[in-house]
N, C-alpha and C. Protein backbone atom coordinates (compact mmCIF):
# COMPACT_ATOMS: atom_id res chain seq x y z
N UNK A 1 -42.34 24.21 -19.14
CA UNK A 1 -41.66 24.15 -17.86
C UNK A 1 -41.19 22.74 -17.55
N UNK A 2 -42.00 21.72 -17.84
CA UNK A 2 -41.63 20.34 -17.58
C UNK A 2 -40.40 19.94 -18.38
N UNK A 3 -40.26 20.48 -19.57
CA UNK A 3 -39.12 20.14 -20.41
C UNK A 3 -37.83 20.64 -19.78
N UNK A 4 -37.83 21.72 -19.07
CA UNK A 4 -36.64 22.27 -18.44
C UNK A 4 -36.23 21.50 -17.18
N UNK A 5 -37.18 20.92 -16.47
CA UNK A 5 -36.90 20.19 -15.23
C UNK A 5 -36.27 18.82 -15.54
N UNK A 6 -36.70 18.15 -16.57
CA UNK A 6 -36.21 16.81 -16.88
C UNK A 6 -34.69 16.77 -17.09
N UNK A 7 -34.10 17.63 -17.90
CA UNK A 7 -32.63 17.59 -18.02
C UNK A 7 -31.93 17.85 -16.70
N UNK A 8 -32.50 18.72 -15.88
CA UNK A 8 -31.89 19.03 -14.59
C UNK A 8 -31.95 17.81 -13.67
N UNK A 9 -33.09 17.09 -13.66
CA UNK A 9 -33.22 15.89 -12.84
C UNK A 9 -32.25 14.80 -13.30
N UNK A 10 -32.10 14.64 -14.59
CA UNK A 10 -31.14 13.65 -15.13
C UNK A 10 -29.73 14.00 -14.71
N UNK A 11 -29.37 15.27 -14.74
CA UNK A 11 -28.04 15.71 -14.32
C UNK A 11 -27.81 15.42 -12.84
N UNK A 12 -28.79 15.69 -12.01
CA UNK A 12 -28.67 15.47 -10.57
C UNK A 12 -28.53 13.98 -10.28
N UNK A 13 -29.37 13.17 -10.89
CA UNK A 13 -29.32 11.72 -10.68
C UNK A 13 -27.98 11.15 -11.14
N UNK A 14 -27.48 11.62 -12.28
CA UNK A 14 -26.21 11.11 -12.78
C UNK A 14 -25.05 11.49 -11.88
N UNK A 15 -25.13 12.64 -11.23
CA UNK A 15 -24.09 13.05 -10.31
C UNK A 15 -24.07 12.17 -9.06
N UNK A 16 -25.21 11.63 -8.72
CA UNK A 16 -25.32 10.79 -7.53
C UNK A 16 -25.02 9.32 -7.82
N UNK A 17 -24.88 8.95 -9.04
CA UNK A 17 -24.67 7.54 -9.40
C UNK A 17 -23.25 7.09 -9.05
N UNK A 18 -23.04 5.79 -8.83
CA UNK A 18 -21.71 5.26 -8.51
C UNK A 18 -20.68 5.54 -9.60
N UNK A 19 -21.11 5.62 -10.84
CA UNK A 19 -20.18 5.88 -11.94
C UNK A 19 -19.54 7.24 -11.76
N UNK A 20 -20.32 8.21 -11.40
CA UNK A 20 -19.78 9.56 -11.20
C UNK A 20 -18.85 9.58 -10.00
N UNK A 21 -19.18 8.85 -8.95
CA UNK A 21 -18.33 8.80 -7.76
C UNK A 21 -17.03 8.10 -8.09
N UNK A 22 -17.07 7.03 -8.87
CA UNK A 22 -15.87 6.29 -9.26
C UNK A 22 -14.88 7.19 -9.99
N UNK A 23 -15.35 8.10 -10.79
CA UNK A 23 -14.47 8.96 -11.57
C UNK A 23 -13.59 9.81 -10.66
N UNK A 24 -14.03 10.09 -9.47
CA UNK A 24 -13.27 10.91 -8.54
C UNK A 24 -12.32 10.07 -7.67
N UNK A 25 -12.56 8.80 -7.56
CA UNK A 25 -11.74 7.92 -6.72
C UNK A 25 -10.47 7.52 -7.43
N UNK A 26 -9.51 7.02 -6.65
CA UNK A 26 -8.24 6.52 -7.18
C UNK A 26 -8.22 5.00 -7.11
N UNK A 27 -7.24 4.44 -7.77
CA UNK A 27 -7.03 2.99 -7.67
C UNK A 27 -6.59 2.67 -6.25
N UNK A 28 -6.77 1.43 -5.86
CA UNK A 28 -6.30 1.02 -4.54
C UNK A 28 -5.29 -0.10 -4.69
N UNK A 29 -4.34 -0.15 -3.77
CA UNK A 29 -3.33 -1.20 -3.77
C UNK A 29 -3.89 -2.40 -3.02
N UNK A 30 -3.80 -3.57 -3.64
CA UNK A 30 -4.31 -4.80 -3.03
C UNK A 30 -3.12 -5.71 -2.74
N UNK A 31 -2.93 -6.06 -1.49
CA UNK A 31 -1.82 -6.92 -1.08
C UNK A 31 -2.27 -8.38 -1.20
N UNK A 32 -2.03 -8.99 -2.37
CA UNK A 32 -2.41 -10.38 -2.59
C UNK A 32 -1.61 -11.27 -1.64
N UNK A 33 -2.23 -12.24 -1.02
CA UNK A 33 -1.50 -13.11 -0.06
C UNK A 33 -0.68 -14.19 -0.78
N UNK A 34 0.41 -13.78 -1.43
CA UNK A 34 1.26 -14.72 -2.16
C UNK A 34 1.91 -15.72 -1.21
N UNK A 35 2.21 -16.89 -1.76
CA UNK A 35 2.93 -17.93 -1.03
C UNK A 35 4.11 -18.38 -1.88
N UNK A 36 4.84 -19.36 -1.38
CA UNK A 36 5.97 -19.90 -2.14
C UNK A 36 5.49 -20.32 -3.52
N UNK A 37 6.32 -20.06 -4.53
CA UNK A 37 5.92 -20.26 -5.92
C UNK A 37 6.51 -21.55 -6.50
N UNK A 38 5.71 -22.20 -7.36
CA UNK A 38 6.15 -23.33 -8.17
C UNK A 38 5.88 -22.93 -9.62
N UNK A 39 6.96 -22.63 -10.36
CA UNK A 39 6.80 -22.06 -11.69
C UNK A 39 7.78 -22.71 -12.66
N UNK A 40 7.30 -22.93 -13.89
CA UNK A 40 8.18 -23.33 -14.98
C UNK A 40 8.09 -22.24 -16.05
N UNK A 41 9.25 -21.68 -16.39
CA UNK A 41 9.34 -20.67 -17.44
C UNK A 41 9.67 -21.35 -18.75
N UNK A 42 8.99 -20.95 -19.81
CA UNK A 42 9.22 -21.45 -21.16
C UNK A 42 9.96 -20.38 -21.95
N UNK A 43 11.27 -20.57 -22.14
CA UNK A 43 12.08 -19.64 -22.92
C UNK A 43 12.23 -20.20 -24.33
N UNK A 44 11.60 -19.54 -25.28
CA UNK A 44 11.68 -19.94 -26.69
C UNK A 44 11.60 -18.65 -27.51
N UNK A 45 12.78 -18.13 -27.90
CA UNK A 45 12.83 -16.82 -28.55
C UNK A 45 13.43 -16.90 -29.94
N UNK A 46 13.04 -15.96 -30.77
CA UNK A 46 13.54 -15.90 -32.14
C UNK A 46 14.86 -15.14 -32.24
N UNK A 47 15.28 -14.55 -31.14
CA UNK A 47 16.51 -13.76 -31.10
C UNK A 47 17.21 -14.06 -29.78
N UNK A 48 18.45 -14.51 -29.79
CA UNK A 48 19.14 -14.87 -28.54
C UNK A 48 19.14 -13.77 -27.49
N UNK A 49 19.30 -12.54 -27.88
CA UNK A 49 19.39 -11.44 -26.91
C UNK A 49 18.09 -11.21 -26.14
N UNK A 50 16.97 -11.73 -26.62
CA UNK A 50 15.69 -11.55 -25.92
C UNK A 50 15.67 -12.25 -24.57
N UNK A 51 16.58 -13.20 -24.37
CA UNK A 51 16.63 -13.87 -23.07
C UNK A 51 16.98 -12.88 -21.97
N UNK A 52 17.71 -11.83 -22.29
CA UNK A 52 18.05 -10.81 -21.29
C UNK A 52 16.79 -10.16 -20.73
N UNK A 53 15.85 -9.83 -21.60
CA UNK A 53 14.58 -9.25 -21.16
C UNK A 53 13.74 -10.28 -20.42
N UNK A 54 13.74 -11.52 -20.89
CA UNK A 54 12.97 -12.58 -20.24
C UNK A 54 13.44 -12.81 -18.81
N UNK A 55 14.72 -12.62 -18.56
CA UNK A 55 15.23 -12.78 -17.19
C UNK A 55 14.64 -11.74 -16.24
N UNK A 56 14.18 -10.61 -16.78
CA UNK A 56 13.50 -9.63 -15.93
C UNK A 56 12.15 -10.17 -15.45
N UNK A 57 11.54 -11.06 -16.24
CA UNK A 57 10.30 -11.71 -15.80
C UNK A 57 10.59 -12.57 -14.57
N UNK A 58 11.71 -13.26 -14.59
CA UNK A 58 12.13 -14.07 -13.46
C UNK A 58 12.36 -13.16 -12.23
N UNK A 59 13.05 -12.06 -12.44
CA UNK A 59 13.28 -11.10 -11.36
C UNK A 59 11.95 -10.57 -10.82
N UNK A 60 10.99 -10.31 -11.72
CA UNK A 60 9.69 -9.77 -11.31
C UNK A 60 8.88 -10.78 -10.50
N UNK A 61 9.19 -12.04 -10.64
CA UNK A 61 8.56 -13.06 -9.80
C UNK A 61 9.24 -13.11 -8.43
N UNK A 62 10.55 -13.08 -8.42
CA UNK A 62 11.31 -13.29 -7.19
C UNK A 62 11.35 -12.06 -6.30
N UNK A 63 11.68 -10.89 -6.85
CA UNK A 63 11.94 -9.71 -6.01
C UNK A 63 10.77 -9.29 -5.12
N UNK A 64 9.54 -9.18 -5.63
CA UNK A 64 8.46 -8.77 -4.72
C UNK A 64 8.25 -9.73 -3.55
N UNK A 65 8.59 -10.99 -3.77
CA UNK A 65 8.40 -12.00 -2.73
C UNK A 65 9.42 -11.87 -1.60
N UNK A 66 10.55 -11.20 -1.85
CA UNK A 66 11.58 -11.05 -0.82
C UNK A 66 11.27 -9.87 0.10
N UNK A 67 10.30 -9.05 -0.26
CA UNK A 67 9.98 -7.84 0.49
C UNK A 67 8.79 -8.06 1.42
N UNK A 68 8.56 -7.09 2.30
CA UNK A 68 7.39 -7.11 3.20
C UNK A 68 6.12 -7.15 2.36
N UNK A 69 5.11 -7.82 2.74
CA UNK A 69 4.93 -8.62 3.94
C UNK A 69 5.33 -10.09 3.76
N UNK A 70 5.88 -10.45 2.59
CA UNK A 70 6.13 -11.86 2.28
C UNK A 70 7.42 -12.39 2.89
N UNK A 71 8.52 -11.69 2.64
CA UNK A 71 9.82 -12.09 3.17
C UNK A 71 10.18 -13.54 2.84
N UNK A 72 9.90 -13.95 1.61
CA UNK A 72 10.22 -15.31 1.16
C UNK A 72 11.48 -15.22 0.29
N UNK A 73 12.53 -15.84 0.75
CA UNK A 73 13.79 -15.79 -0.01
C UNK A 73 13.68 -16.69 -1.24
N UNK A 74 14.45 -16.39 -2.29
CA UNK A 74 14.35 -17.14 -3.54
C UNK A 74 14.51 -18.65 -3.41
N UNK A 75 15.30 -19.09 -2.44
CA UNK A 75 15.53 -20.53 -2.31
C UNK A 75 14.32 -21.29 -1.78
N UNK A 76 13.26 -20.59 -1.38
CA UNK A 76 12.04 -21.26 -0.95
C UNK A 76 11.07 -21.49 -2.12
N UNK A 77 11.37 -20.94 -3.27
CA UNK A 77 10.55 -21.16 -4.45
C UNK A 77 11.09 -22.36 -5.22
N UNK A 78 10.29 -22.91 -6.07
CA UNK A 78 10.72 -24.01 -6.94
C UNK A 78 10.51 -23.52 -8.37
N UNK A 79 11.60 -23.08 -9.00
CA UNK A 79 11.51 -22.43 -10.30
C UNK A 79 12.40 -23.16 -11.31
N UNK A 80 11.80 -23.48 -12.45
CA UNK A 80 12.51 -24.11 -13.56
C UNK A 80 12.45 -23.17 -14.75
N UNK A 81 13.53 -23.12 -15.52
CA UNK A 81 13.56 -22.35 -16.76
C UNK A 81 13.96 -23.31 -17.87
N UNK A 82 13.06 -23.52 -18.82
CA UNK A 82 13.33 -24.44 -19.92
C UNK A 82 13.69 -23.63 -21.16
N UNK A 83 14.88 -23.91 -21.69
CA UNK A 83 15.45 -23.16 -22.81
C UNK A 83 15.44 -24.05 -24.05
N UNK A 84 14.81 -23.56 -25.13
CA UNK A 84 14.78 -24.38 -26.34
C UNK A 84 14.66 -23.60 -27.64
N UNK A 85 14.93 -22.31 -27.60
CA UNK A 85 14.93 -21.49 -28.82
C UNK A 85 16.33 -21.05 -29.17
N UNK A 86 16.43 -20.00 -29.94
CA UNK A 86 17.75 -19.50 -30.36
C UNK A 86 18.60 -19.06 -29.18
N UNK A 87 17.95 -18.78 -28.05
CA UNK A 87 18.69 -18.36 -26.85
C UNK A 87 19.60 -19.45 -26.30
N UNK A 88 19.49 -20.66 -26.84
CA UNK A 88 20.38 -21.75 -26.42
C UNK A 88 21.85 -21.36 -26.62
N UNK A 89 22.12 -20.51 -27.60
CA UNK A 89 23.50 -20.11 -27.87
C UNK A 89 24.09 -19.28 -26.72
N UNK A 90 23.23 -18.72 -25.88
CA UNK A 90 23.73 -17.88 -24.78
C UNK A 90 24.32 -18.71 -23.64
N UNK A 91 24.01 -19.98 -23.57
CA UNK A 91 24.46 -20.81 -22.44
C UNK A 91 25.54 -21.83 -22.80
N UNK A 92 26.16 -21.64 -23.96
CA UNK A 92 27.30 -22.50 -24.30
C UNK A 92 28.59 -21.74 -23.99
N UNK A 93 29.57 -22.48 -23.54
CA UNK A 93 30.82 -21.88 -23.05
C UNK A 93 31.53 -21.02 -24.08
N UNK A 94 31.54 -21.45 -25.34
CA UNK A 94 32.32 -20.70 -26.32
C UNK A 94 31.70 -19.33 -26.66
N UNK A 95 30.48 -19.08 -26.22
CA UNK A 95 29.85 -17.77 -26.43
C UNK A 95 29.84 -16.92 -25.15
N UNK A 96 30.60 -17.33 -24.16
CA UNK A 96 30.57 -16.64 -22.86
C UNK A 96 30.84 -15.15 -22.98
N UNK A 97 31.87 -14.76 -23.68
CA UNK A 97 32.21 -13.33 -23.76
C UNK A 97 31.08 -12.53 -24.39
N UNK A 98 30.46 -13.09 -25.39
CA UNK A 98 29.38 -12.37 -26.08
C UNK A 98 28.14 -12.21 -25.19
N UNK A 99 27.86 -13.22 -24.36
CA UNK A 99 26.65 -13.22 -23.53
C UNK A 99 26.97 -13.24 -22.03
N UNK A 100 28.11 -12.70 -21.67
CA UNK A 100 28.59 -12.74 -20.29
C UNK A 100 27.55 -12.23 -19.29
N UNK A 101 26.94 -11.09 -19.57
CA UNK A 101 25.96 -10.51 -18.65
C UNK A 101 24.77 -11.46 -18.44
N UNK A 102 24.29 -12.05 -19.51
CA UNK A 102 23.16 -12.99 -19.43
C UNK A 102 23.56 -14.22 -18.62
N UNK A 103 24.71 -14.78 -18.93
CA UNK A 103 25.19 -15.99 -18.24
C UNK A 103 25.35 -15.73 -16.75
N UNK A 104 25.92 -14.59 -16.40
CA UNK A 104 26.13 -14.29 -14.98
C UNK A 104 24.82 -14.04 -14.25
N UNK A 105 23.84 -13.48 -14.91
CA UNK A 105 22.52 -13.32 -14.30
C UNK A 105 21.89 -14.69 -14.05
N UNK A 106 22.01 -15.59 -15.03
CA UNK A 106 21.48 -16.95 -14.85
C UNK A 106 22.22 -17.66 -13.72
N UNK A 107 23.53 -17.54 -13.69
CA UNK A 107 24.33 -18.19 -12.65
C UNK A 107 23.90 -17.67 -11.26
N UNK A 108 23.65 -16.37 -11.16
CA UNK A 108 23.19 -15.77 -9.91
C UNK A 108 21.88 -16.43 -9.45
N UNK A 109 20.91 -16.55 -10.36
CA UNK A 109 19.64 -17.19 -9.99
C UNK A 109 19.83 -18.66 -9.68
N UNK A 110 20.72 -19.32 -10.39
CA UNK A 110 20.99 -20.74 -10.14
C UNK A 110 21.51 -20.95 -8.71
N UNK A 111 22.27 -19.98 -8.21
CA UNK A 111 22.78 -20.06 -6.84
C UNK A 111 21.64 -20.06 -5.81
N UNK A 112 20.49 -19.51 -6.18
CA UNK A 112 19.32 -19.51 -5.30
C UNK A 112 18.38 -20.68 -5.58
N UNK A 113 18.80 -21.59 -6.42
CA UNK A 113 18.01 -22.79 -6.65
C UNK A 113 17.20 -22.80 -7.94
N UNK A 114 17.24 -21.74 -8.73
CA UNK A 114 16.54 -21.75 -10.01
C UNK A 114 17.25 -22.76 -10.91
N UNK A 115 16.49 -23.65 -11.51
CA UNK A 115 17.06 -24.68 -12.38
C UNK A 115 16.91 -24.28 -13.84
N UNK A 116 18.02 -24.25 -14.55
CA UNK A 116 18.02 -23.93 -15.98
C UNK A 116 18.19 -25.22 -16.76
N UNK A 117 17.24 -25.49 -17.65
CA UNK A 117 17.20 -26.75 -18.38
C UNK A 117 17.20 -26.46 -19.88
N UNK A 118 18.07 -27.17 -20.59
CA UNK A 118 18.17 -27.02 -22.04
C UNK A 118 17.62 -28.27 -22.70
N UNK A 119 16.88 -28.09 -23.75
CA UNK A 119 16.30 -29.18 -24.53
C UNK A 119 17.39 -29.91 -25.32
N UNK A 120 17.48 -31.22 -25.13
CA UNK A 120 18.47 -32.02 -25.86
C UNK A 120 18.20 -32.02 -27.36
N UNK A 121 16.94 -31.93 -27.75
CA UNK A 121 16.61 -31.90 -29.18
C UNK A 121 17.13 -30.61 -29.82
N UNK A 122 16.96 -29.49 -29.11
CA UNK A 122 17.48 -28.22 -29.62
C UNK A 122 19.00 -28.24 -29.62
N UNK A 123 19.59 -28.79 -28.57
CA UNK A 123 21.06 -28.88 -28.49
C UNK A 123 21.59 -29.68 -29.68
N UNK A 124 20.91 -30.74 -30.03
CA UNK A 124 21.32 -31.56 -31.18
C UNK A 124 21.22 -30.76 -32.48
N UNK A 125 20.14 -29.98 -32.62
CA UNK A 125 19.98 -29.14 -33.82
C UNK A 125 21.14 -28.16 -33.97
N UNK A 126 21.65 -27.67 -32.83
CA UNK A 126 22.76 -26.72 -32.85
C UNK A 126 24.12 -27.41 -32.81
N UNK A 127 24.08 -28.75 -32.79
CA UNK A 127 25.28 -29.58 -32.74
C UNK A 127 26.11 -29.33 -31.48
N UNK A 128 25.41 -29.14 -30.33
CA UNK A 128 26.07 -28.96 -29.05
C UNK A 128 26.10 -30.28 -28.30
N UNK A 129 27.15 -30.46 -27.53
CA UNK A 129 27.33 -31.62 -26.66
C UNK A 129 27.18 -31.17 -25.20
N UNK A 130 27.04 -32.11 -24.28
CA UNK A 130 26.91 -31.77 -22.86
C UNK A 130 28.04 -30.86 -22.38
N UNK A 131 29.24 -31.16 -22.80
CA UNK A 131 30.41 -30.40 -22.33
C UNK A 131 30.43 -28.96 -22.87
N UNK A 132 29.59 -28.64 -23.83
CA UNK A 132 29.53 -27.28 -24.37
C UNK A 132 28.81 -26.31 -23.43
N UNK A 133 28.01 -26.83 -22.51
CA UNK A 133 27.17 -25.98 -21.66
C UNK A 133 27.85 -25.65 -20.33
N UNK A 134 27.44 -24.52 -19.76
CA UNK A 134 27.94 -24.11 -18.44
C UNK A 134 27.47 -25.10 -17.38
N UNK A 135 28.16 -25.10 -16.26
CA UNK A 135 27.93 -26.07 -15.19
C UNK A 135 26.55 -25.97 -14.54
N UNK A 136 25.87 -24.85 -14.63
CA UNK A 136 24.56 -24.70 -13.98
C UNK A 136 23.41 -25.14 -14.90
N UNK A 137 23.74 -25.66 -16.07
CA UNK A 137 22.73 -26.10 -17.04
C UNK A 137 22.49 -27.61 -16.92
N UNK A 138 21.22 -27.99 -16.90
CA UNK A 138 20.84 -29.40 -17.01
C UNK A 138 20.26 -29.60 -18.40
N UNK A 139 20.66 -30.66 -19.07
CA UNK A 139 20.11 -30.98 -20.39
C UNK A 139 19.04 -32.04 -20.19
N UNK A 140 17.84 -31.76 -20.71
CA UNK A 140 16.69 -32.67 -20.57
C UNK A 140 16.31 -33.21 -21.94
N UNK A 141 15.64 -34.37 -21.99
CA UNK A 141 15.35 -35.00 -23.29
C UNK A 141 14.57 -34.12 -24.27
N UNK A 142 13.54 -33.40 -23.76
CA UNK A 142 12.69 -32.61 -24.65
C UNK A 142 12.09 -31.44 -23.87
N UNK A 143 12.16 -30.25 -24.42
CA UNK A 143 11.60 -29.07 -23.75
C UNK A 143 10.09 -29.20 -23.57
N UNK A 144 9.42 -29.64 -24.60
CA UNK A 144 7.96 -29.72 -24.54
C UNK A 144 7.52 -30.76 -23.51
N UNK A 145 8.18 -31.89 -23.50
CA UNK A 145 7.86 -32.92 -22.51
C UNK A 145 8.20 -32.45 -21.10
N UNK A 146 9.29 -31.73 -20.97
CA UNK A 146 9.71 -31.19 -19.67
C UNK A 146 8.68 -30.20 -19.13
N UNK A 147 8.23 -29.31 -19.99
CA UNK A 147 7.22 -28.32 -19.58
C UNK A 147 5.93 -29.02 -19.17
N UNK A 148 5.49 -29.98 -19.97
CA UNK A 148 4.27 -30.73 -19.65
C UNK A 148 4.43 -31.47 -18.32
N UNK A 149 5.58 -32.05 -18.11
CA UNK A 149 5.85 -32.78 -16.86
C UNK A 149 5.64 -31.89 -15.64
N UNK A 150 6.23 -30.71 -15.66
CA UNK A 150 6.13 -29.82 -14.51
C UNK A 150 4.73 -29.23 -14.37
N UNK A 151 4.06 -28.98 -15.47
CA UNK A 151 2.68 -28.50 -15.38
C UNK A 151 1.78 -29.56 -14.73
N UNK A 152 1.99 -30.82 -15.09
CA UNK A 152 1.20 -31.90 -14.50
C UNK A 152 1.48 -32.05 -13.00
N UNK A 153 2.60 -31.54 -12.56
CA UNK A 153 2.95 -31.58 -11.13
C UNK A 153 2.49 -30.30 -10.41
N UNK A 154 1.71 -29.47 -11.10
CA UNK A 154 1.13 -28.30 -10.46
C UNK A 154 1.90 -27.00 -10.60
N UNK A 155 2.90 -26.97 -11.46
CA UNK A 155 3.68 -25.75 -11.66
C UNK A 155 2.93 -24.81 -12.60
N UNK A 156 2.97 -23.52 -12.28
CA UNK A 156 2.40 -22.51 -13.16
C UNK A 156 3.35 -22.33 -14.35
N UNK A 157 2.81 -22.15 -15.52
CA UNK A 157 3.61 -21.91 -16.72
C UNK A 157 3.66 -20.42 -17.01
N UNK A 158 4.88 -19.92 -17.18
CA UNK A 158 5.06 -18.53 -17.60
C UNK A 158 5.91 -18.55 -18.86
N UNK A 159 5.37 -18.00 -19.94
CA UNK A 159 6.08 -17.92 -21.22
C UNK A 159 6.28 -16.44 -21.54
N UNK A 160 7.43 -15.88 -21.19
CA UNK A 160 7.64 -14.45 -21.41
C UNK A 160 7.48 -14.05 -22.88
N UNK A 161 6.79 -12.95 -23.09
CA UNK A 161 6.65 -12.36 -24.42
C UNK A 161 7.62 -11.19 -24.48
N UNK A 162 8.48 -11.20 -25.48
CA UNK A 162 9.49 -10.14 -25.59
C UNK A 162 9.37 -9.51 -26.98
N UNK A 163 8.47 -8.54 -27.12
CA UNK A 163 8.31 -7.87 -28.41
C UNK A 163 9.43 -6.87 -28.66
N UNK A 164 9.53 -6.45 -29.89
CA UNK A 164 10.47 -5.39 -30.23
C UNK A 164 9.93 -4.09 -29.64
N UNK A 165 10.75 -3.38 -28.93
CA UNK A 165 10.31 -2.13 -28.29
C UNK A 165 10.29 -1.01 -29.33
N UNK A 166 9.11 -0.42 -29.52
CA UNK A 166 8.94 0.64 -30.51
C UNK A 166 8.94 2.03 -29.88
N UNK A 167 8.52 2.12 -28.63
CA UNK A 167 8.36 3.42 -27.98
C UNK A 167 9.00 3.40 -26.60
N UNK A 168 9.51 4.53 -26.19
CA UNK A 168 9.98 4.66 -24.82
C UNK A 168 8.75 4.95 -23.95
N UNK A 169 8.91 4.74 -22.68
CA UNK A 169 7.80 5.03 -21.75
C UNK A 169 7.42 6.50 -21.85
N UNK A 170 8.41 7.37 -21.96
CA UNK A 170 8.14 8.80 -22.05
C UNK A 170 7.31 9.17 -23.28
N UNK A 171 7.51 8.46 -24.38
CA UNK A 171 6.77 8.75 -25.59
C UNK A 171 5.28 8.39 -25.50
N UNK A 172 4.97 7.35 -24.74
CA UNK A 172 3.57 6.89 -24.72
C UNK A 172 2.85 7.15 -23.41
N UNK A 173 3.54 7.67 -22.43
CA UNK A 173 2.91 7.91 -21.15
C UNK A 173 1.82 8.92 -21.32
């Protein structure tokens, strides 16, 4: 008889435990008290077109801040984007037609105060001159030094990861 009661007691106790209760609960939304952002983005990609996806990271920083309860417009943030990989080809004038959508998205953010900075060392590797870049681009001596400079001034570093997409959301949901 004692052997039959023990499994029943274990079942009852386990049903009353917080773990069992958690299984029935849902996630909760937490409204983090965000403030104006100071961020430096590190754009360094092996494929120029990946900058298009990386710009969504920028959007994901800015857009939630413009909505309730924050209502912080983009021009109140201090955002730098440092470009020093193959994506440098997207911001030179002679490639405008090929990367028009990317350039116009960057120009849009630049109008809100986002600063786009190109590494002079990378520009030299690609044999680009100052006049090759669009008007919203600043050329800085070194991407790595630039990133370190802003981090030392308290800016958060965000380095977007842009992997090759293997599955659609529908396939893995």
